[in-house]
Amino acid sequence: MPTPMTLFDEVFRVLVAMLGEDVADRRDELSASTPLQSLGMDSMKYINLLLSLEDIIGKELDEVAEHIDLAEITTVGDLVALVERLRAL
């Protein structure tokens, strides 16, 4: 029986889909403290990333946009925490 995906794994899957295999190859190096900028994120990619996370969040981005401050999302852990918080809304 396969192990259920953690929220970190789900977010990582979206990061890989968006940023490519370079990120997938670094899976063992990634942790909650990994800066998103080190993965090649820029402001447009943040928006695209959030749009890609809608399925995991379970809500449309425009429903939760007022609860998102991009300046607070600097690490993979920040992103996972944001997704967790938005899911609870």
PDB file of N, CA and C in Angstrom:
ATOM      1  N   MET A   1       0.846  -1.181   0.000  1.00  0.00           N
ATOM      2  CA  MET A   1       0.000   0.000   0.000  1.00  0.00           C
ATOM      3  C   MET A   1       0.889   1.240   0.000  1.00  0.00           C
ATOM      4  N   PRO A   2       0.655   2.172  -0.946  1.00  0.00           N
ATOM      5  CA  PRO A   2       1.496   3.370  -1.010  1.00  0.00           C
ATOM      6  C   PRO A   2       1.285   4.269   0.202  1.00  0.00           C
ATOM      7  N   THR A   3       2.357   4.943   0.580  1.00  0.00           N
ATOM      8  CA  THR A   3       2.297   5.892   1.686  1.00  0.00           C
ATOM      9  C   THR A   3       1.580   7.154   1.223  1.00  0.00           C
ATOM     10  N   PRO A   4       0.637   7.663   2.024  1.00  0.00           N
ATOM     11  CA  PRO A   4      -0.045   8.900   1.622  1.00  0.00           C
ATOM     12  C   PRO A   4       0.945  10.062   1.520  1.00  0.00           C
ATOM     13  N   MET A   5       0.682  10.967   0.589  1.00  0.00           N
ATOM     14  CA  MET A   5       1.557  12.124   0.410  1.00  0.00           C
ATOM     15  C   MET A   5       1.338  13.116   1.547  1.00  0.00           C
ATOM     16  N   THR A   6       2.439  13.653   2.045  1.00  0.00           N
ATOM     17  CA  THR A   6       2.349  14.724   3.023  1.00  0.00           C
ATOM     18  C   THR A   6       2.077  16.030   2.272  1.00  0.00           C
ATOM     19  N   LEU A   7       1.704  17.047   2.994  1.00  0.00           N
ATOM     20  CA  LEU A   7       1.491  18.351   2.372  1.00  0.00           C
ATOM     21  C   LEU A   7       2.784  18.846   1.736  1.00  0.00           C
ATOM     22  N   PHE A   8       3.921  18.611   2.393  1.00  0.00           N
ATOM     23  CA  PHE A   8       5.223  18.988   1.832  1.00  0.00           C
ATOM     24  C   PHE A   8       5.412  18.293   0.487  1.00  0.00           C
ATOM     25  N   ASP A   9       5.094  16.988   0.415  1.00  0.00           N
ATOM     26  CA  ASP A   9       5.234  16.236  -0.836  1.00  0.00           C
ATOM     27  C   ASP A   9       4.329  16.801  -1.931  1.00  0.00           C
ATOM     28  N   GLU A  10       3.105  17.157  -1.563  1.00  0.00           N
ATOM     29  CA  GLU A  10       2.173  17.717  -2.543  1.00  0.00           C
ATOM     30  C   GLU A  10       2.683  19.047  -3.087  1.00  0.00           C
ATOM     31  N   VAL A  11       3.171  19.902  -2.196  1.00  0.00           N
ATOM     32  CA  VAL A  11       3.716  21.188  -2.616  1.00  0.00           C
ATOM     33  C   VAL A  11       4.968  20.972  -3.459  1.00  0.00           C
ATOM     34  N   PHE A  12       5.811  20.027  -3.066  1.00  0.00           N
ATOM     35  CA  PHE A  12       7.020  19.715  -3.828  1.00  0.00           C
ATOM     36  C   PHE A  12       6.652  19.261  -5.242  1.00  0.00           C
ATOM     37  N   ARG A  13       5.623  18.430  -5.370  1.00  0.00           N
ATOM     38  CA  ARG A  13       5.184  17.936  -6.680  1.00  0.00           C
ATOM     39  C   ARG A  13       4.813  19.109  -7.587  1.00  0.00           C
ATOM     40  N   VAL A  14       4.133  20.102  -7.034  1.00  0.00           N
ATOM     41  CA  VAL A  14       3.755  21.284  -7.809  1.00  0.00           C
ATOM     42  C   VAL A  14       4.998  22.095  -8.178  1.00  0.00           C
ATOM     43  N   LEU A  15       5.927  22.231  -7.253  1.00  0.00           N
ATOM     44  CA  LEU A  15       7.178  22.949  -7.548  1.00  0.00           C
ATOM     45  C   LEU A  15       7.932  22.289  -8.693  1.00  0.00           C
ATOM     46  N   VAL A  16       8.012  20.968  -8.667  1.00  0.00           N
ATOM     47  CA  VAL A  16       8.710  20.238  -9.733  1.00  0.00           C
ATOM     48  C   VAL A  16       7.996  20.430 -11.061  1.00  0.00           C
ATOM     49  N   ALA A  17       6.670  20.320 -11.050  1.00  0.00           N
ATOM     50  CA  ALA A  17       5.901  20.494 -12.279  1.00  0.00           C
ATOM     51  C   ALA A  17       6.123  21.883 -12.871  1.00  0.00           C
ATOM     52  N   MET A  18       6.281  22.865 -12.006  1.00  0.00           N
ATOM     53  CA  MET A  18       6.431  24.228 -12.468  1.00  0.00           C
ATOM     54  C   MET A  18       7.875  24.588 -12.815  1.00  0.00           C
ATOM     55  N   LEU A  19       8.810  24.132 -12.000  1.00  0.00           N
ATOM     56  CA  LEU A  19      10.204  24.556 -12.143  1.00  0.00           C
ATOM     57  C   LEU A  19      11.082  23.537 -12.861  1.00  0.00           C
ATOM     58  N   GLY A  20      10.593  22.318 -13.027  1.00  0.00           N
ATOM     59  CA  GLY A  20      11.323  21.339 -13.813  1.00  0.00           C
ATOM     60  C   GLY A  20      12.142  20.355 -13.006  1.00  0.00           C
ATOM     61  N   GLU A  21      12.829  19.520 -13.745  1.00  0.00           N
ATOM     62  CA  GLU A  21      13.579  18.413 -13.164  1.00  0.00           C
ATOM     63  C   GLU A  21      14.770  18.860 -12.326  1.00  0.00           C
ATOM     64  N   ASP A  22      15.273  20.080 -12.544  1.00  0.00           N
ATOM     65  CA  ASP A  22      16.380  20.562 -11.710  1.00  0.00           C
ATOM     66  C   ASP A  22      15.982  20.541 -10.243  1.00  0.00           C
ATOM     67  N   VAL A  23      14.733  20.898  -9.970  1.00  0.00           N
ATOM     68  CA  VAL A  23      14.234  20.873  -8.599  1.00  0.00           C
ATOM     69  C   VAL A  23      14.054  19.423  -8.149  1.00  0.00           C
ATOM     70  N   ALA A  24      13.534  18.579  -9.015  1.00  0.00           N
ATOM     71  CA  ALA A  24      13.334  17.164  -8.674  1.00  0.00           C
ATOM     72  C   ALA A  24      14.655  16.506  -8.296  1.00  0.00           C
ATOM     73  N   ASP A  25      15.711  16.854  -9.006  1.00  0.00           N
ATOM     74  CA  ASP A  25      17.025  16.277  -8.725  1.00  0.00           C
ATOM     75  C   ASP A  25      17.575  16.721  -7.374  1.00  0.00           C
ATOM     76  N   ARG A  26      17.045  17.814  -6.840  1.00  0.00           N
ATOM     77  CA  ARG A  26      17.508  18.353  -5.558  1.00  0.00           C
ATOM     78  C   ARG A  26      16.592  17.958  -4.405  1.00  0.00           C
ATOM     79  N   ARG A  27      15.668  17.022  -4.611  1.00  0.00           N
ATOM     80  CA  ARG A  27      14.667  16.651  -3.603  1.00  0.00           C
ATOM     81  C   ARG A  27      15.289  16.366  -2.239  1.00  0.00           C
ATOM     82  N   ASP A  28      16.395  15.629  -2.223  1.00  0.00           N
ATOM     83  CA  ASP A  28      17.020  15.273  -0.949  1.00  0.00           C
ATOM     84  C   ASP A  28      17.627  16.480  -0.236  1.00  0.00           C
ATOM     85  N   GLU A  29      17.910  17.536  -0.977  1.00  0.00           N
ATOM     86  CA  GLU A  29      18.487  18.751  -0.394  1.00  0.00           C
ATOM     87  C   GLU A  29      17.422  19.700   0.144  1.00  0.00           C
ATOM     88  N   LEU A  30      16.176  19.528  -0.322  1.00  0.00           N
ATOM     89  CA  LEU A  30      15.129  20.472   0.051  1.00  0.00           C
ATOM     90  C   LEU A  30      14.628  20.216   1.460  1.00  0.00           C
ATOM     91  N   SER A  31      14.377  21.304   2.137  1.00  0.00           N
ATOM     92  CA  SER A  31      13.793  21.236   3.473  1.00  0.00           C
ATOM     93  C   SER A  31      12.879  22.440   3.632  1.00  0.00           C
ATOM     94  N   ALA A  32      12.255  22.530   4.753  1.00  0.00           N
ATOM     95  CA  ALA A  32      11.364  23.665   5.015  1.00  0.00           C
ATOM     96  C   ALA A  32      12.123  24.993   4.956  1.00  0.00           C
ATOM     97  N   SER A  33      13.415  24.971   5.242  1.00  0.00           N
ATOM     98  CA  SER A  33      14.180  26.224   5.261  1.00  0.00           C
ATOM     99  C   SER A  33      14.793  26.586   3.906  1.00  0.00           C
ATOM    100  N   THR A  34      14.572  25.780   2.877  1.00  0.00           N
ATOM    101  CA  THR A  34      15.120  26.086   1.555  1.00  0.00           C
ATOM    102  C   THR A  34      14.469  27.352   1.001  1.00  0.00           C
ATOM    103  N   PRO A  35      15.278  28.361   0.655  1.00  0.00           N
ATOM    104  CA  PRO A  35      14.708  29.584   0.084  1.00  0.00           C
ATOM    105  C   PRO A  35      14.109  29.303  -1.301  1.00  0.00           C
ATOM    106  N   LEU A  36      12.905  29.781  -1.540  1.00  0.00           N
ATOM    107  CA  LEU A  36      12.280  29.596  -2.846  1.00  0.00           C
ATOM    108  C   LEU A  36      13.094  30.267  -3.944  1.00  0.00           C
ATOM    109  N   GLN A  37      13.716  31.387  -3.614  1.00  0.00           N
ATOM    110  CA  GLN A  37      14.528  32.095  -4.596  1.00  0.00           C
ATOM    111  C   GLN A  37      15.678  31.217  -5.101  1.00  0.00           C
ATOM    112  N   SER A  38      16.200  30.345  -4.251  1.00  0.00           N
ATOM    113  CA  SER A  38      17.283  29.456  -4.677  1.00  0.00           C
ATOM    114  C   SER A  38      16.800  28.414  -5.683  1.00  0.00           C
ATOM    115  N   LEU A  39      15.478  28.271  -5.808  1.00  0.00           N
ATOM    116  CA  LEU A  39      14.897  27.336  -6.779  1.00  0.00           C
ATOM    117  C   LEU A  39      14.541  28.043  -8.086  1.00  0.00           C
ATOM    118  N   GLY A  40      14.899  29.308  -8.166  1.00  0.00           N
ATOM    119  CA  GLY A  40      14.645  30.060  -9.389  1.00  0.00           C
ATOM    120  C   GLY A  40      13.315  30.782  -9.424  1.00  0.00           C
ATOM    121  N   MET A  41      12.722  30.993  -8.255  1.00  0.00           N
ATOM    122  CA  MET A  41      11.435  31.683  -8.200  1.00  0.00           C
ATOM    123  C   MET A  41      11.621  33.179  -8.423  1.00  0.00           C
ATOM    124  N   ASP A  42      10.683  33.766  -9.155  1.00  0.00           N
ATOM    125  CA  ASP A  42      10.596  35.215  -9.277  1.00  0.00           C
ATOM    126  C   ASP A  42       9.133  35.594  -9.050  1.00  0.00           C
ATOM    127  N   SER A  43       8.805  36.868  -9.142  1.00  0.00           N
ATOM    128  CA  SER A  43       7.450  37.305  -8.774  1.00  0.00           C
ATOM    129  C   SER A  43       6.372  36.674  -9.647  1.00  0.00           C
ATOM    130  N   MET A  44       6.599  36.535 -10.934  1.00  0.00           N
ATOM    131  CA  MET A  44       5.592  35.912 -11.804  1.00  0.00           C
ATOM    132  C   MET A  44       5.441  34.426 -11.486  1.00  0.00           C
ATOM    133  N   LYS A  45       6.534  33.777 -11.169  1.00  0.00           N
ATOM    134  CA  LYS A  45       6.465  32.354 -10.826  1.00  0.00           C
ATOM    135  C   LYS A  45       5.701  32.145  -9.519  1.00  0.00           C
ATOM    136  N   TYR A  46       5.801  33.097  -8.591  1.00  0.00           N
ATOM    137  CA  TYR A  46       5.034  32.985  -7.345  1.00  0.00           C
ATOM    138  C   TYR A  46       3.536  32.951  -7.646  1.00  0.00           C
ATOM    139  N   ILE A  47       3.091  33.845  -8.518  1.00  0.00           N
ATOM    140  CA  ILE A  47       1.670  33.886  -8.870  1.00  0.00           C
ATOM    141  C   ILE A  47       1.263  32.588  -9.563  1.00  0.00           C
ATOM    142  N   ASN A  48       2.065  32.146 -10.515  1.00  0.00           N
ATOM    143  CA  ASN A  48       1.764  30.885 -11.209  1.00  0.00           C
ATOM    144  C   ASN A  48       1.784  29.711 -10.239  1.00  0.00           C
ATOM    145  N   LEU A  49       2.688  29.741  -9.288  1.00  0.00           N
ATOM    146  CA  LEU A  49       2.762  28.688  -8.288  1.00  0.00           C
ATOM    147  C   LEU A  49       1.484  28.646  -7.461  1.00  0.00           C
ATOM    148  N   LEU A  50       1.046  29.810  -7.002  1.00  0.00           N
ATOM    149  CA  LEU A  50      -0.180  29.866  -6.206  1.00  0.00           C
ATOM    150  C   LEU A  50      -1.378  29.377  -7.014  1.00  0.00           C
ATOM    151  N   LEU A  51      -1.431  29.737  -8.281  1.00  0.00           N
ATOM    152  CA  LEU A  51      -2.514  29.238  -9.136  1.00  0.00           C
ATOM    153  C   LEU A  51      -2.441  27.713  -9.259  1.00  0.00           C
ATOM    154  N   SER A  52      -1.228  27.187  -9.343  1.00  0.00           N
ATOM    155  CA  SER A  52      -1.039  25.741  -9.451  1.00  0.00           C
ATOM    156  C   SER A  52      -1.410  25.014  -8.164  1.00  0.00           C
ATOM    157  N   LEU A  53      -1.401  25.726  -7.057  1.00  0.00           N
ATOM    158  CA  LEU A  53      -1.710  25.116  -5.757  1.00  0.00           C
ATOM    159  C   LEU A  53      -3.204  25.126  -5.431  1.00  0.00           C
ATOM    160  N   GLU A  54      -4.018  25.700  -6.311  1.00  0.00           N
ATOM    161  CA  GLU A  54      -5.456  25.778  -6.034  1.00  0.00           C
ATOM    162  C   GLU A  54      -6.066  24.416  -5.707  1.00  0.00           C
ATOM    163  N   ASP A  55      -5.670  23.384  -6.429  1.00  0.00           N
ATOM    164  CA  ASP A  55      -6.223  22.052  -6.166  1.00  0.00           C
ATOM    165  C   ASP A  55      -5.872  21.564  -4.762  1.00  0.00           C
ATOM    166  N   ILE A  56      -4.651  21.817  -4.339  1.00  0.00           N
ATOM    167  CA  ILE A  56      -4.224  21.386  -3.005  1.00  0.00           C
ATOM    168  C   ILE A  56      -4.936  22.212  -1.937  1.00  0.00           C
ATOM    169  N   ILE A  57      -5.074  23.502  -2.203  1.00  0.00           N
ATOM    170  CA  ILE A  57      -5.745  24.393  -1.248  1.00  0.00           C
ATOM    171  C   ILE A  57      -7.237  24.068  -1.179  1.00  0.00           C
ATOM    172  N   GLY A  58      -7.796  23.707  -2.326  1.00  0.00           N
ATOM    173  CA  GLY A  58      -9.224  23.398  -2.369  1.00  0.00           C
ATOM    174  C   GLY A  58     -10.097  24.620  -2.551  1.00  0.00           C
ATOM    175  N   LYS A  59      -9.475  25.717  -2.952  1.00  0.00           N
ATOM    176  CA  LYS A  59     -10.195  26.972  -3.161  1.00  0.00           C
ATOM    177  C   LYS A  59      -9.576  27.698  -4.354  1.00  0.00           C
ATOM    178  N   GLU A  60     -10.370  28.528  -4.994  1.00  0.00           N
ATOM    179  CA  GLU A  60      -9.861  29.385  -6.065  1.00  0.00           C
ATOM    180  C   GLU A  60      -8.960  30.450  -5.447  1.00  0.00           C
ATOM    181  N   LEU A  61      -7.943  30.862  -6.172  1.00  0.00           N
ATOM    182  CA  LEU A  61      -7.006  31.861  -5.662  1.00  0.00           C
ATOM    183  C   LEU A  61      -7.717  33.168  -5.310  1.00  0.00           C
ATOM    184  N   ASP A  62      -8.681  33.571  -6.112  1.00  0.00           N
ATOM    185  CA  ASP A  62      -9.363  34.838  -5.814  1.00  0.00           C
ATOM    186  C   ASP A  62     -10.180  34.770  -4.525  1.00  0.00           C
ATOM    187  N   GLU A  63     -10.523  33.575  -4.064  1.00  0.00           N
ATOM    188  CA  GLU A  63     -11.251  33.421  -2.801  1.00  0.00           C
ATOM    189  C   GLU A  63     -10.356  33.669  -1.587  1.00  0.00           C
ATOM    190  N   VAL A  64      -9.064  33.439  -1.745  1.00  0.00           N
ATOM    191  CA  VAL A  64      -8.143  33.516  -0.607  1.00  0.00           C
ATOM    192  C   VAL A  64      -7.064  34.579  -0.774  1.00  0.00           C
ATOM    193  N   ALA A  65      -7.100  35.311  -1.871  1.00  0.00           N
ATOM    194  CA  ALA A  65      -6.033  36.275  -2.191  1.00  0.00           C
ATOM    195  C   ALA A  65      -5.779  37.280  -1.077  1.00  0.00           C
ATOM    196  N   GLU A  66      -6.826  37.701  -0.384  1.00  0.00           N
ATOM    197  CA  GLU A  66      -6.645  38.700   0.676  1.00  0.00           C
ATOM    198  C   GLU A  66      -5.852  38.154   1.854  1.00  0.00           C
ATOM    199  N   HIS A  67      -5.685  36.843   1.921  1.00  0.00           N
ATOM    200  CA  HIS A  67      -4.954  36.206   3.016  1.00  0.00           C
ATOM    201  C   HIS A  67      -3.513  35.856   2.632  1.00  0.00           C
ATOM    202  N   ILE A  68      -3.072  36.334   1.475  1.00  0.00           N
ATOM    203  CA  ILE A  68      -1.742  35.999   0.973  1.00  0.00           C
ATOM    204  C   ILE A  68      -0.884  37.247   0.913  1.00  0.00           C
ATOM    205  N   ASP A  69       0.291  37.167   1.525  1.00  0.00           N
ATOM    206  CA  ASP A  69       1.284  38.231   1.438  1.00  0.00           C
ATOM    207  C   ASP A  69       2.544  37.598   0.863  1.00  0.00           C
ATOM    208  N   LEU A  70       2.815  37.853  -0.412  1.00  0.00           N
ATOM    209  CA  LEU A  70       3.957  37.224  -1.076  1.00  0.00           C
ATOM    210  C   LEU A  70       5.273  37.507  -0.362  1.00  0.00           C
ATOM    211  N   ALA A  71       5.371  38.640   0.304  1.00  0.00           N
ATOM    212  CA  ALA A  71       6.611  38.978   1.005  1.00  0.00           C
ATOM    213  C   ALA A  71       6.896  38.013   2.153  1.00  0.00           C
ATOM    214  N   GLU A  72       5.859  37.342   2.649  1.00  0.00           N
ATOM    215  CA  GLU A  72       6.031  36.403   3.761  1.00  0.00           C
ATOM    216  C   GLU A  72       6.364  34.981   3.299  1.00  0.00           C
ATOM    217  N   ILE A  73       6.354  34.745   1.997  1.00  0.00           N
ATOM    218  CA  ILE A  73       6.601  33.397   1.465  1.00  0.00           C
ATOM    219  C   ILE A  73       8.012  33.368   0.885  1.00  0.00           C
ATOM    220  N   THR A  74       8.989  33.087   1.735  1.00  0.00           N
ATOM    221  CA  THR A  74      10.375  33.102   1.275  1.00  0.00           C
ATOM    222  C   THR A  74      11.009  31.714   1.234  1.00  0.00           C
ATOM    223  N   THR A  75      10.434  30.746   1.957  1.00  0.00           N
ATOM    224  CA  THR A  75      11.004  29.398   1.996  1.00  0.00           C
ATOM    225  C   THR A  75       9.945  28.363   1.628  1.00  0.00           C
ATOM    226  N   VAL A  76      10.398  27.153   1.373  1.00  0.00           N
ATOM    227  CA  VAL A  76       9.477  26.052   1.104  1.00  0.00           C
ATOM    228  C   VAL A  76       8.544  25.861   2.300  1.00  0.00           C
ATOM    229  N   GLY A  77       9.060  25.983   3.498  1.00  0.00           N
ATOM    230  CA  GLY A  77       8.250  25.851   4.701  1.00  0.00           C
ATOM    231  C   GLY A  77       7.179  26.925   4.800  1.00  0.00           C
ATOM    232  N   ASP A  78       7.527  28.158   4.420  1.00  0.00           N
ATOM    233  CA  ASP A  78       6.542  29.241   4.403  1.00  0.00           C
ATOM    234  C   ASP A  78       5.406  28.906   3.434  1.00  0.00           C
ATOM    235  N   LEU A  79       5.775  28.340   2.296  1.00  0.00           N
ATOM    236  CA  LEU A  79       4.781  27.978   1.292  1.00  0.00           C
ATOM    237  C   LEU A  79       3.862  26.870   1.800  1.00  0.00           C
ATOM    238  N   VAL A  80       4.444  25.865   2.419  1.00  0.00           N
ATOM    239  CA  VAL A  80       3.647  24.765   2.979  1.00  0.00           C
ATOM    240  C   VAL A  80       2.718  25.305   4.077  1.00  0.00           C
ATOM    241  N   ALA A  81       3.238  26.181   4.931  1.00  0.00           N
ATOM    242  CA  ALA A  81       2.414  26.769   6.004  1.00  0.00           C
ATOM    243  C   ALA A  81       1.274  27.603   5.425  1.00  0.00           C
ATOM    244  N   LEU A  82       1.551  28.336   4.351  1.00  0.00           N
ATOM    245  CA  LEU A  82       0.512  29.123   3.702  1.00  0.00           C
ATOM    246  C   LEU A  82      -0.589  28.217   3.163  1.00  0.00           C
ATOM    247  N   VAL A  83      -0.192  27.147   2.478  1.00  0.00           N
ATOM    248  CA  VAL A  83      -1.176  26.217   1.929  1.00  0.00           C
ATOM    249  C   VAL A  83      -2.021  25.627   3.052  1.00  0.00           C
ATOM    250  N   GLU A  84      -1.373  25.247   4.128  1.00  0.00           N
ATOM    251  CA  GLU A  84      -2.094  24.674   5.269  1.00  0.00           C
ATOM    252  C   GLU A  84      -3.095  25.691   5.840  1.00  0.00           C
ATOM    253  N   ARG A  85      -2.653  26.934   5.976  1.00  0.00           N
ATOM    254  CA  ARG A  85      -3.518  27.990   6.515  1.00  0.00           C
ATOM    255  C   ARG A  85      -4.695  28.272   5.580  1.00  0.00           C
ATOM    256  N   LEU A  86      -4.441  28.320   4.280  1.00  0.00           N
ATOM    257  CA  LEU A  86      -5.499  28.619   3.314  1.00  0.00           C
ATOM    258  C   LEU A  86      -6.511  27.473   3.238  1.00  0.00           C
ATOM    259  N   ARG A  87      -6.050  26.249   3.431  1.00  0.00           N
ATOM    260  CA  ARG A  87      -6.963  25.106   3.427  1.00  0.00           C
ATOM    261  C   ARG A  87      -7.944  25.188   4.589  1.00  0.00           C
ATOM    262  N   ALA A  88      -7.511  25.794   5.688  1.00  0.00           N
ATOM    263  CA  ALA A  88      -8.337  25.862   6.888  1.00  0.00           C
ATOM    264  C   ALA A  88      -9.375  26.989   6.836  1.00  0.00           C
ATOM    265  N   LEU A  89      -9.257  27.875   5.880  1.00  0.00           N
ATOM    266  CA  LEU A  89     -10.199  29.008   5.807  1.00  0.00           C
ATOM    267  C   LEU A  89     -11.592  28.540   5.433  1.00  0.00           C
TER     268      LEU A  89
END
